[in-house]
Structure formats: structure tokens, C-alpha cells
Amino acid sequence: MTHPWLQRLSSTVQSCQNWLHQMEPTRQLERQYQTLSTAPIDTLWQTLINLADMSWHPLITSTNVPRGLTIKPGLIYNAMPRWLPIPVTTFVERVLPEELLSIRLFPVPGLEERVIYRLESTMWGTRVSYSITLRGWLSPLAWSLIKPYAAQVAEAIAAAAEKTTQTALPPQPSGSEAW
């Protein structure tokens, strides 16, 4: 015969184990966003890999990457997100020049973020794709915070590159000007 307090303790431990099992980091959320840009693919790529200037990014305010550093797989740096006042460890996973950039972010324990940027030249312009995958038991909470901003990333890259292209081009004379 066991004591009633041992039965309650056993029941409580079992409840805690069930709860922890439900909270395992098996949750995964994925989303992809695309847009077309009139900017050349090389301008888009330069905008994307310039990690020292993230002013265009709706989720990141800055990084500790020195200006002019060539990014390559294995690069680890810190990014300052707009929605979390602590630096986020960021790891460059894969780089295919002018085609693909894959990055992993580790904001807090219980959350991992994978971001893939793809550039593809098409008949209508350059397709910019932004894929985001959140893993971990905190992913539903994180998604609720970043979802409105994540939807803007692909368009923000395109807009920043197009702005760069417009400022780099000399003004064209209009046909109505008298010489």
C-alpha cells in the first residue's frame, strides 16, 4: 500500500511529462513570399548580400558585419531584430552567387528560423523569393509577431534594389526638351 501523497506525486509527474511531451520542438511553420523586380539580378544580389546595410529589411535593424565583407557559408554574425531587443545569432548556411542565400537564425531557446532568399531571372523581370521556416515550440508565438513584416521582405528587397538602380542611372532627356 502506498501513501496518498506518493500517488498524487506520481500523478503530478505523469501530468508534467505529458505536458512536456506536447511542448516538444516538433512544431514547424513555413511560408514563402514572391515578387517581381525591374532591378537587374546583380543589383538585387548586391543589396541582399550587403549585410552591413539592412535598412531595407522590415525585420532587422542592423548587424555586426563589417562593410564590404564577402559572405560565405559558415559566417556567423549577430543581427538586431526590430521586435526583440537582443542580438540574434545568425549563421550563413549556403550561398549560390546571384541565385540563393540560406541563413539560420537562433533568436531564443525554443525557436529556430531558417530564411532562404532566391533570385531568378524571368521574362518579366527578376523574381525575388523569400522563404521562412520557423521551428520549435515558440514558433506559433514568433509567427504571430513577425508575420506582417515577413510578408514585406521580398518587396522590400526589390524596392531597395530598384531605388539603387534609379539613383545610379543618369537622368535621361525627355523628347519634349528643346536643345
N, C-alpha and C. Protein backbone atom coordinates (compact mmCIF):
# COMPACT_ATOMS: atom_id res chain seq x y z
N MET A 1 0.84 -1.17 0.00
CA MET A 1 0.00 0.00 0.00
C MET A 1 0.89 1.24 0.00
N THR A 2 0.59 2.16 -0.90
CA THR A 2 1.37 3.40 -0.99
C THR A 2 0.62 4.53 -0.32
N HIS A 3 1.39 5.52 0.06
CA HIS A 3 0.79 6.69 0.69
C HIS A 3 0.05 7.54 -0.34
N PRO A 4 -1.00 8.21 0.11
CA PRO A 4 -1.74 9.06 -0.83
C PRO A 4 -0.87 10.16 -1.44
N TRP A 5 0.08 10.68 -0.67
CA TRP A 5 0.90 11.75 -1.23
C TRP A 5 1.82 11.23 -2.33
N LEU A 6 2.25 9.96 -2.28
CA LEU A 6 3.04 9.36 -3.34
C LEU A 6 2.20 9.17 -4.61
N GLN A 7 0.95 8.80 -4.42
CA GLN A 7 0.04 8.66 -5.57
C GLN A 7 -0.16 10.01 -6.25
N ARG A 8 -0.36 11.07 -5.43
CA ARG A 8 -0.55 12.42 -6.00
C ARG A 8 0.72 12.87 -6.72
N LEU A 9 1.88 12.60 -6.10
CA LEU A 9 3.15 12.98 -6.71
C LEU A 9 3.34 12.26 -8.04
N SER A 10 3.05 10.96 -8.05
CA SER A 10 3.16 10.18 -9.28
C SER A 10 2.23 10.72 -10.36
N SER A 11 1.02 11.07 -9.97
CA SER A 11 0.05 11.62 -10.91
C SER A 11 0.53 12.99 -11.45
N THR A 12 1.09 13.79 -10.57
CA THR A 12 1.60 15.11 -10.98
C THR A 12 2.78 14.97 -11.94
N VAL A 13 3.69 14.06 -11.63
CA VAL A 13 4.84 13.82 -12.51
C VAL A 13 4.36 13.34 -13.87
N GLN A 14 3.39 12.44 -13.90
CA GLN A 14 2.85 11.95 -15.17
C GLN A 14 2.22 13.09 -15.96
N SER A 15 1.49 13.97 -15.30
CA SER A 15 0.87 15.12 -15.98
C SER A 15 1.94 16.04 -16.56
N CYS A 16 3.00 16.27 -15.79
CA CYS A 16 4.09 17.12 -16.27
C CYS A 16 4.78 16.49 -17.48
N GLN A 17 5.00 15.20 -17.44
CA GLN A 17 5.63 14.52 -18.57
C GLN A 17 4.76 14.62 -19.82
N ASN A 18 3.46 14.45 -19.66
CA ASN A 18 2.54 14.58 -20.80
C ASN A 18 2.59 15.99 -21.37
N TRP A 19 2.60 16.98 -20.48
CA TRP A 19 2.65 18.38 -20.92
C TRP A 19 3.95 18.68 -21.66
N LEU A 20 5.09 18.22 -21.11
CA LEU A 20 6.38 18.43 -21.76
C LEU A 20 6.45 17.74 -23.11
N HIS A 21 5.86 16.54 -23.20
CA HIS A 21 5.84 15.83 -24.47
C HIS A 21 5.09 16.63 -25.54
N GLN A 22 4.00 17.28 -25.14
CA GLN A 22 3.24 18.10 -26.08
C GLN A 22 4.02 19.34 -26.51
N MET A 23 4.94 19.82 -25.68
CA MET A 23 5.70 21.03 -25.96
C MET A 23 7.02 20.75 -26.68
N GLU A 24 7.26 19.54 -27.14
CA GLU A 24 8.50 19.22 -27.83
C GLU A 24 8.62 20.07 -29.09
N PRO A 25 9.86 20.38 -29.50
CA PRO A 25 10.07 21.25 -30.65
C PRO A 25 9.81 20.56 -31.98
N THR A 26 8.61 20.06 -32.16
CA THR A 26 8.25 19.42 -33.42
C THR A 26 7.42 20.35 -34.29
N ARG A 27 7.02 21.48 -33.75
CA ARG A 27 6.18 22.43 -34.47
C ARG A 27 7.02 23.12 -35.54
N GLN A 28 6.48 23.23 -36.75
CA GLN A 28 7.18 23.88 -37.84
C GLN A 28 6.19 24.68 -38.66
N LEU A 29 6.52 25.93 -38.91
CA LEU A 29 5.70 26.80 -39.74
C LEU A 29 6.52 27.25 -40.94
N GLU A 30 5.96 27.15 -42.13
CA GLU A 30 6.66 27.55 -43.35
C GLU A 30 5.80 28.49 -44.15
N ARG A 31 6.47 29.44 -44.81
CA ARG A 31 5.75 30.38 -45.68
C ARG A 31 6.72 30.91 -46.73
N GLN A 32 6.23 31.16 -47.93
CA GLN A 32 7.05 31.71 -49.00
C GLN A 32 6.35 32.92 -49.59
N TYR A 33 7.15 33.96 -49.86
CA TYR A 33 6.63 35.19 -50.47
C TYR A 33 7.45 35.48 -51.72
N GLN A 34 6.79 36.01 -52.75
CA GLN A 34 7.47 36.31 -54.01
C GLN A 34 7.02 37.65 -54.54
N THR A 35 7.91 38.26 -55.32
CA THR A 35 7.58 39.48 -56.02
C THR A 35 8.47 39.56 -57.26
N LEU A 36 8.10 40.41 -58.20
CA LEU A 36 8.91 40.65 -59.39
C LEU A 36 9.56 42.03 -59.25
N SER A 37 10.79 42.12 -59.73
CA SER A 37 11.52 43.38 -59.67
C SER A 37 12.05 43.75 -61.05
N THR A 38 12.13 45.04 -61.30
CA THR A 38 12.71 45.53 -62.55
C THR A 38 14.22 45.70 -62.42
N ALA A 39 14.74 45.59 -61.22
CA ALA A 39 16.18 45.75 -61.00
C ALA A 39 16.92 44.54 -61.56
N PRO A 40 18.13 44.77 -62.08
CA PRO A 40 18.93 43.63 -62.57
C PRO A 40 19.28 42.68 -61.42
N ILE A 41 19.50 41.43 -61.77
CA ILE A 41 19.77 40.42 -60.76
C ILE A 41 21.03 40.73 -59.95
N ASP A 42 22.05 41.33 -60.60
CA ASP A 42 23.28 41.64 -59.87
C ASP A 42 23.06 42.75 -58.84
N THR A 43 22.19 43.71 -59.14
CA THR A 43 21.86 44.76 -58.18
C THR A 43 21.07 44.19 -57.00
N LEU A 44 20.13 43.32 -57.28
CA LEU A 44 19.39 42.65 -56.21
C LEU A 44 20.33 41.83 -55.33
N TRP A 45 21.25 41.12 -55.95
CA TRP A 45 22.19 40.31 -55.19
C TRP A 45 23.05 41.18 -54.27
N GLN A 46 23.57 42.29 -54.82
CA GLN A 46 24.41 43.18 -54.01
C GLN A 46 23.62 43.76 -52.84
N THR A 47 22.36 44.09 -53.06
CA THR A 47 21.51 44.59 -51.97
C THR A 47 21.33 43.52 -50.91
N LEU A 48 21.14 42.30 -51.34
CA LEU A 48 20.89 41.18 -50.42
C LEU A 48 22.12 40.82 -49.60
N ILE A 49 23.29 40.79 -50.22
CA ILE A 49 24.48 40.34 -49.50
C ILE A 49 25.20 41.45 -48.74
N ASN A 50 24.75 42.67 -48.87
CA ASN A 50 25.34 43.77 -48.10
C ASN A 50 24.76 43.73 -46.69
N LEU A 51 25.28 42.84 -45.88
CA LEU A 51 24.75 42.63 -44.53
C LEU A 51 25.05 43.80 -43.60
N ALA A 52 25.96 44.69 -44.00
CA ALA A 52 26.27 45.86 -43.16
C ALA A 52 25.16 46.91 -43.27
N ASP A 53 24.39 46.88 -44.36
CA ASP A 53 23.29 47.84 -44.54
C ASP A 53 21.98 47.08 -44.68
N MET A 54 21.27 46.93 -43.58
CA MET A 54 19.99 46.23 -43.60
C MET A 54 18.83 47.21 -43.46
N SER A 55 19.03 48.45 -43.86
CA SER A 55 18.00 49.47 -43.70
C SER A 55 16.72 49.12 -44.46
N TRP A 56 16.82 48.33 -45.47
CA TRP A 56 15.65 47.94 -46.27
C TRP A 56 14.81 46.86 -45.60
N HIS A 57 15.39 46.13 -44.65
CA HIS A 57 14.75 44.93 -44.10
C HIS A 57 13.71 45.28 -43.03
N PRO A 58 12.46 44.81 -43.19
CA PRO A 58 11.41 45.13 -42.21
C PRO A 58 11.56 44.43 -40.86
N LEU A 59 12.40 43.38 -40.78
CA LEU A 59 12.55 42.63 -39.53
C LEU A 59 13.87 42.89 -38.81
N ILE A 60 14.88 43.37 -39.54
CA ILE A 60 16.22 43.54 -38.97
C ILE A 60 16.64 44.99 -39.07
N THR A 61 17.15 45.54 -37.97
CA THR A 61 17.62 46.93 -38.00
C THR A 61 19.09 47.04 -38.36
N SER A 62 19.91 46.12 -37.86
CA SER A 62 21.35 46.21 -38.12
C SER A 62 22.02 44.86 -37.85
N THR A 63 23.30 44.77 -38.27
CA THR A 63 24.11 43.58 -37.99
C THR A 63 25.50 44.06 -37.54
N ASN A 64 26.31 43.13 -37.07
CA ASN A 64 27.68 43.48 -36.71
C ASN A 64 28.67 43.07 -37.80
N VAL A 65 28.21 42.91 -39.03
CA VAL A 65 29.05 42.54 -40.16
C VAL A 65 29.75 43.78 -40.69
N PRO A 66 31.08 43.74 -40.84
CA PRO A 66 31.79 44.90 -41.38
C PRO A 66 31.41 45.16 -42.84
N ARG A 67 31.39 46.43 -43.21
CA ARG A 67 31.06 46.81 -44.59
C ARG A 67 32.09 46.20 -45.54
N GLY A 68 31.60 45.62 -46.62
CA GLY A 68 32.47 45.06 -47.64
C GLY A 68 32.87 43.60 -47.43
N LEU A 69 32.46 42.98 -46.33
CA LEU A 69 32.80 41.59 -46.08
C LEU A 69 32.07 40.69 -47.06
N THR A 70 32.79 39.78 -47.69
CA THR A 70 32.18 38.82 -48.61
C THR A 70 31.55 37.72 -47.79
N ILE A 71 30.25 37.50 -48.02
CA ILE A 71 29.59 36.45 -47.25
C ILE A 71 29.85 35.09 -47.89
N LYS A 72 30.02 34.11 -47.03
CA LYS A 72 30.21 32.74 -47.48
C LYS A 72 29.69 31.80 -46.41
N PRO A 73 29.43 30.56 -46.76
CA PRO A 73 28.92 29.60 -45.78
C PRO A 73 29.84 29.52 -44.56
N GLY A 74 29.23 29.48 -43.39
CA GLY A 74 29.98 29.39 -42.15
C GLY A 74 30.11 30.72 -41.42
N LEU A 75 29.79 31.82 -42.10
CA LEU A 75 29.86 33.13 -41.45
C LEU A 75 28.82 33.20 -40.34
N ILE A 76 29.27 33.59 -39.14
CA ILE A 76 28.37 33.76 -38.01
C ILE A 76 28.42 35.23 -37.60
N TYR A 77 27.25 35.83 -37.44
CA TYR A 77 27.18 37.23 -37.05
C TYR A 77 25.93 37.45 -36.20
N ASN A 78 25.82 38.64 -35.64
CA ASN A 78 24.64 39.00 -34.84
C ASN A 78 23.79 39.99 -35.61
N ALA A 79 22.50 39.79 -35.55
CA ALA A 79 21.54 40.71 -36.16
C ALA A 79 20.64 41.26 -35.06
N MET A 80 20.29 42.54 -35.17
CA MET A 80 19.38 43.15 -34.20
C MET A 80 17.99 43.23 -34.83
N PRO A 81 17.07 42.42 -34.33
CA PRO A 81 15.71 42.47 -34.87
C PRO A 81 14.94 43.68 -34.37
N ARG A 82 13.94 44.08 -35.13
CA ARG A 82 13.10 45.22 -34.76
C ARG A 82 12.16 44.87 -33.61
N TRP A 83 11.81 43.61 -33.45
CA TRP A 83 10.79 43.21 -32.47
C TRP A 83 11.35 42.58 -31.21
N LEU A 84 12.68 42.40 -31.12
CA LEU A 84 13.29 41.78 -29.95
C LEU A 84 14.56 42.55 -29.60
N PRO A 85 14.67 43.09 -28.40
CA PRO A 85 15.81 43.97 -28.08
C PRO A 85 17.11 43.24 -27.72
N ILE A 86 17.32 42.05 -28.27
CA ILE A 86 18.57 41.34 -28.02
C ILE A 86 19.14 40.86 -29.36
N PRO A 87 20.49 40.78 -29.45
CA PRO A 87 21.08 40.31 -30.71
C PRO A 87 20.73 38.85 -30.97
N VAL A 88 20.55 38.55 -32.23
CA VAL A 88 20.19 37.20 -32.66
C VAL A 88 21.38 36.59 -33.39
N THR A 89 21.84 35.43 -32.93
CA THR A 89 22.93 34.73 -33.59
C THR A 89 22.44 34.24 -34.95
N THR A 90 23.22 34.56 -35.97
CA THR A 90 22.83 34.26 -37.35
C THR A 90 23.97 33.53 -38.04
N PHE A 91 23.62 32.52 -38.82
CA PHE A 91 24.60 31.64 -39.45
C PHE A 91 24.30 31.54 -40.94
N VAL A 92 25.27 31.87 -41.78
CA VAL A 92 25.11 31.72 -43.23
C VAL A 92 25.32 30.26 -43.57
N GLU A 93 24.27 29.66 -44.09
CA GLU A 93 24.26 28.22 -44.33
C GLU A 93 24.72 27.86 -45.74
N ARG A 94 24.24 28.61 -46.73
CA ARG A 94 24.52 28.27 -48.13
C ARG A 94 24.48 29.52 -48.98
N VAL A 95 25.40 29.62 -49.94
CA VAL A 95 25.45 30.76 -50.85
C VAL A 95 25.68 30.26 -52.26
N LEU A 96 24.79 30.61 -53.17
CA LEU A 96 24.98 30.41 -54.60
C LEU A 96 24.90 31.80 -55.22
N PRO A 97 26.04 32.39 -55.62
CA PRO A 97 26.05 33.79 -56.07
C PRO A 97 24.97 34.10 -57.11
N GLU A 98 24.28 35.21 -56.86
CA GLU A 98 23.20 35.73 -57.70
C GLU A 98 22.05 34.75 -57.88
N GLU A 99 21.93 33.79 -56.96
CA GLU A 99 20.85 32.83 -57.07
C GLU A 99 20.18 32.51 -55.73
N LEU A 100 20.97 32.18 -54.69
CA LEU A 100 20.40 31.71 -53.43
C LEU A 100 21.26 32.10 -52.24
N LEU A 101 20.59 32.48 -51.15
CA LEU A 101 21.24 32.74 -49.87
C LEU A 101 20.39 32.09 -48.80
N SER A 102 20.99 31.17 -48.03
CA SER A 102 20.27 30.47 -46.97
C SER A 102 20.91 30.84 -45.63
N ILE A 103 20.07 31.25 -44.68
CA ILE A 103 20.53 31.73 -43.38
C ILE A 103 19.71 31.07 -42.29
N ARG A 104 20.36 30.75 -41.18
CA ARG A 104 19.66 30.25 -39.98
C ARG A 104 19.84 31.26 -38.87
N LEU A 105 18.76 31.51 -38.15
CA LEU A 105 18.78 32.42 -37.01
C LEU A 105 18.34 31.66 -35.77
N PHE A 106 18.96 32.00 -34.65
CA PHE A 106 18.64 31.35 -33.38
C PHE A 106 18.31 32.44 -32.36
N PRO A 107 17.07 32.99 -32.41
CA PRO A 107 16.72 34.13 -31.56
C PRO A 107 16.69 33.81 -30.07
N VAL A 108 16.00 32.76 -29.69
CA VAL A 108 15.87 32.37 -28.29
C VAL A 108 15.77 30.85 -28.21
N PRO A 109 16.11 30.26 -27.05
CA PRO A 109 15.92 28.81 -26.93
C PRO A 109 14.45 28.45 -27.19
N GLY A 110 14.23 27.42 -27.97
CA GLY A 110 12.88 27.01 -28.31
C GLY A 110 12.41 27.56 -29.65
N LEU A 111 13.33 28.25 -30.37
CA LEU A 111 12.96 28.83 -31.66
C LEU A 111 14.17 28.83 -32.58
N GLU A 112 13.96 28.33 -33.79
CA GLU A 112 14.97 28.37 -34.85
C GLU A 112 14.28 28.88 -36.10
N GLU A 113 14.95 29.77 -36.80
CA GLU A 113 14.38 30.35 -38.02
C GLU A 113 15.34 30.09 -39.17
N ARG A 114 14.79 29.62 -40.27
CA ARG A 114 15.58 29.42 -41.49
C ARG A 114 14.98 30.31 -42.56
N VAL A 115 15.84 31.09 -43.20
CA VAL A 115 15.41 32.02 -44.23
C VAL A 115 16.17 31.69 -45.52
N ILE A 116 15.45 31.61 -46.62
CA ILE A 116 16.08 31.37 -47.92
C ILE A 116 15.62 32.46 -48.88
N TYR A 117 16.60 33.17 -49.43
CA TYR A 117 16.34 34.17 -50.46
C TYR A 117 16.74 33.55 -51.79
N ARG A 118 15.85 33.66 -52.79
CA ARG A 118 16.16 33.16 -54.13
C ARG A 118 15.93 34.27 -55.15
N LEU A 119 16.82 34.34 -56.12
CA LEU A 119 16.67 35.29 -57.22
C LEU A 119 16.64 34.48 -58.51
N GLU A 120 15.68 34.82 -59.37
CA GLU A 120 15.54 34.08 -60.62
C GLU A 120 15.15 35.06 -61.73
N SER A 121 15.94 35.05 -62.79
CA SER A 121 15.66 35.93 -63.92
C SER A 121 14.52 35.33 -64.75
N THR A 122 13.53 36.15 -65.06
CA THR A 122 12.39 35.70 -65.86
C THR A 122 12.17 36.68 -67.01
N MET A 123 11.23 36.38 -67.88
CA MET A 123 10.88 37.28 -68.99
C MET A 123 10.36 38.62 -68.50
N TRP A 124 9.74 38.61 -67.36
CA TRP A 124 9.04 39.80 -66.86
C TRP A 124 9.86 40.59 -65.87
N GLY A 125 11.07 40.13 -65.56
CA GLY A 125 11.92 40.78 -64.57
C GLY A 125 12.60 39.73 -63.71
N THR A 126 13.05 40.14 -62.57
CA THR A 126 13.71 39.21 -61.66
C THR A 126 12.74 38.82 -60.55
N ARG A 127 12.54 37.52 -60.38
CA ARG A 127 11.68 37.03 -59.31
C ARG A 127 12.49 36.96 -58.03
N VAL A 128 11.96 37.58 -57.00
CA VAL A 128 12.58 37.56 -55.68
C VAL A 128 11.69 36.70 -54.79
N SER A 129 12.26 35.63 -54.23
CA SER A 129 11.52 34.75 -53.33
C SER A 129 12.14 34.82 -51.94
N TYR A 130 11.27 34.85 -50.96
CA TYR A 130 11.68 34.86 -49.55
C TYR A 130 10.91 33.75 -48.85
N SER A 131 11.64 32.72 -48.41
CA SER A 131 11.01 31.60 -47.69
C SER A 131 11.45 31.65 -46.24
N ILE A 132 10.50 31.44 -45.36
CA ILE A 132 10.81 31.45 -43.94
C ILE A 132 10.23 30.18 -43.31
N THR A 133 11.05 29.52 -42.50
CA THR A 133 10.62 28.34 -41.76
C THR A 133 10.95 28.57 -40.29
N LEU A 134 9.96 28.43 -39.45
CA LEU A 134 10.15 28.54 -38.00
C LEU A 134 9.99 27.16 -37.40
N ARG A 135 10.92 26.79 -36.53
CA ARG A 135 10.85 25.50 -35.85
C ARG A 135 10.96 25.73 -34.35
N GLY A 136 10.30 24.88 -33.61
CA GLY A 136 10.39 24.94 -32.16
C GLY A 136 9.05 25.24 -31.53
N TRP A 137 8.98 25.03 -30.25
CA TRP A 137 7.70 25.19 -29.56
C TRP A 137 7.29 26.65 -29.45
N LEU A 138 8.21 27.59 -29.66
CA LEU A 138 7.85 29.01 -29.64
C LEU A 138 7.45 29.55 -31.02
N SER A 139 7.49 28.68 -32.04
CA SER A 139 7.21 29.16 -33.40
C SER A 139 5.82 29.78 -33.57
N PRO A 140 4.75 29.27 -32.96
CA PRO A 140 3.45 29.95 -33.13
C PRO A 140 3.46 31.38 -32.57
N LEU A 141 4.10 31.57 -31.43
CA LEU A 141 4.19 32.91 -30.85
C LEU A 141 5.04 33.83 -31.73
N ALA A 142 6.19 33.33 -32.15
CA ALA A 142 7.07 34.14 -33.01
C ALA A 142 6.36 34.49 -34.31
N TRP A 143 5.65 33.53 -34.89
CA TRP A 143 4.96 33.78 -36.16
C TRP A 143 3.91 34.88 -36.00
N SER A 144 3.21 34.87 -34.88
CA SER A 144 2.20 35.91 -34.67
C SER A 144 2.83 37.30 -34.59
N LEU A 145 4.09 37.38 -34.15
CA LEU A 145 4.78 38.67 -34.06
C LEU A 145 5.37 39.12 -35.39
N ILE A 146 5.95 38.19 -36.16
CA ILE A 146 6.67 38.60 -37.36
C ILE A 146 5.90 38.47 -38.66
N LYS A 147 4.75 37.82 -38.64
CA LYS A 147 4.00 37.56 -39.87
C LYS A 147 3.76 38.81 -40.73
N PRO A 148 3.28 39.93 -40.15
CA PRO A 148 3.03 41.10 -41.01
C PRO A 148 4.30 41.64 -41.65
N TYR A 149 5.43 41.49 -40.98
CA TYR A 149 6.70 42.00 -41.51
C TYR A 149 7.32 41.04 -42.51
N ALA A 150 7.19 39.74 -42.26
CA ALA A 150 7.74 38.74 -43.16
C ALA A 150 7.12 38.86 -44.55
N ALA A 151 5.86 39.22 -44.60
CA ALA A 151 5.17 39.37 -45.88
C ALA A 151 5.73 40.52 -46.70
N GLN A 152 6.49 41.42 -46.09
CA GLN A 152 7.02 42.60 -46.78
C GLN A 152 8.47 42.44 -47.23
N VAL A 153 9.16 41.37 -46.81
CA VAL A 153 10.59 41.26 -47.06
C VAL A 153 10.94 41.21 -48.55
N ALA A 154 10.29 40.34 -49.32
CA ALA A 154 10.61 40.22 -50.75
C ALA A 154 10.39 41.56 -51.47
N GLU A 155 9.29 42.21 -51.18
CA GLU A 155 9.02 43.51 -51.80
C GLU A 155 10.02 44.57 -51.36
N ALA A 156 10.47 44.49 -50.11
CA ALA A 156 11.45 45.46 -49.60
C ALA A 156 12.80 45.31 -50.29
N ILE A 157 13.23 44.07 -50.55
CA ILE A 157 14.48 43.85 -51.29
C ILE A 157 14.36 44.45 -52.68
N ALA A 158 13.26 44.15 -53.36
CA ALA A 158 13.05 44.65 -54.71
C ALA A 158 13.04 46.18 -54.73
N ALA A 159 12.32 46.80 -53.79
CA ALA A 159 12.24 48.26 -53.75
C ALA A 159 13.61 48.89 -53.50
N ALA A 160 14.40 48.31 -52.60
CA ALA A 160 15.72 48.86 -52.29
C ALA A 160 16.64 48.75 -53.51
N ALA A 161 16.61 47.62 -54.21
CA ALA A 161 17.45 47.44 -55.39
C ALA A 161 17.00 48.36 -56.52
N GLU A 162 15.69 48.52 -56.70
CA GLU A 162 15.18 49.42 -57.74
C GLU A 162 15.56 50.86 -57.44
N LYS A 163 15.54 51.24 -56.19
CA LYS A 163 15.94 52.60 -55.80
C LYS A 163 17.42 52.82 -56.10
N THR A 164 18.25 51.82 -55.81
CA THR A 164 19.68 51.88 -56.12
C THR A 164 19.89 52.03 -57.62
N THR A 165 19.14 51.27 -58.40
CA THR A 165 19.26 51.31 -59.86
C THR A 165 18.87 52.69 -60.39
N GLN A 166 17.80 53.27 -59.86
CA GLN A 166 17.34 54.58 -60.32
C GLN A 166 18.33 55.68 -59.97
N THR A 167 18.95 55.62 -58.80
CA THR A 167 19.91 56.66 -58.42
C THR A 167 21.23 56.49 -59.16
N ALA A 168 21.54 55.29 -59.63
CA ALA A 168 22.79 55.05 -60.35
C ALA A 168 22.70 55.46 -61.81
N LEU A 169 21.50 55.54 -62.36
CA LEU A 169 21.34 55.91 -63.76
C LEU A 169 21.36 57.43 -63.93
N PRO A 170 22.03 57.94 -64.96
CA PRO A 170 21.99 59.38 -65.21
C PRO A 170 20.61 59.77 -65.71
N PRO A 171 20.20 61.02 -65.48
CA PRO A 171 18.89 61.43 -65.96
C PRO A 171 18.82 61.38 -67.48
N GLN A 172 17.71 60.88 -67.99
CA GLN A 172 17.50 60.79 -69.44
C GLN A 172 16.75 62.01 -69.92
N PRO A 173 17.23 62.64 -71.01
CA PRO A 173 16.49 63.78 -71.54
C PRO A 173 15.15 63.33 -72.12
N SER A 174 14.13 64.12 -71.88
CA SER A 174 12.83 63.77 -72.44
C SER A 174 12.75 64.25 -73.87
N GLY A 175 11.85 63.69 -74.64
CA GLY A 175 11.70 64.05 -76.04
C GLY A 175 11.13 65.44 -76.23
N SER A 176 10.59 66.04 -75.20
CA SER A 176 9.95 67.34 -75.33
C SER A 176 10.91 68.49 -75.04
N GLU A 177 12.14 68.20 -74.62
CA GLU A 177 13.07 69.28 -74.31
C GLU A 177 13.63 69.88 -75.58
N ALA A 178 13.77 71.19 -75.57
CA ALA A 178 14.34 71.90 -76.72
C ALA A 178 15.85 71.99 -76.51
N TRP A 179 16.61 71.70 -77.56
CA TRP A 179 18.06 71.76 -77.47
C TRP A 179 18.49 73.01 -78.05
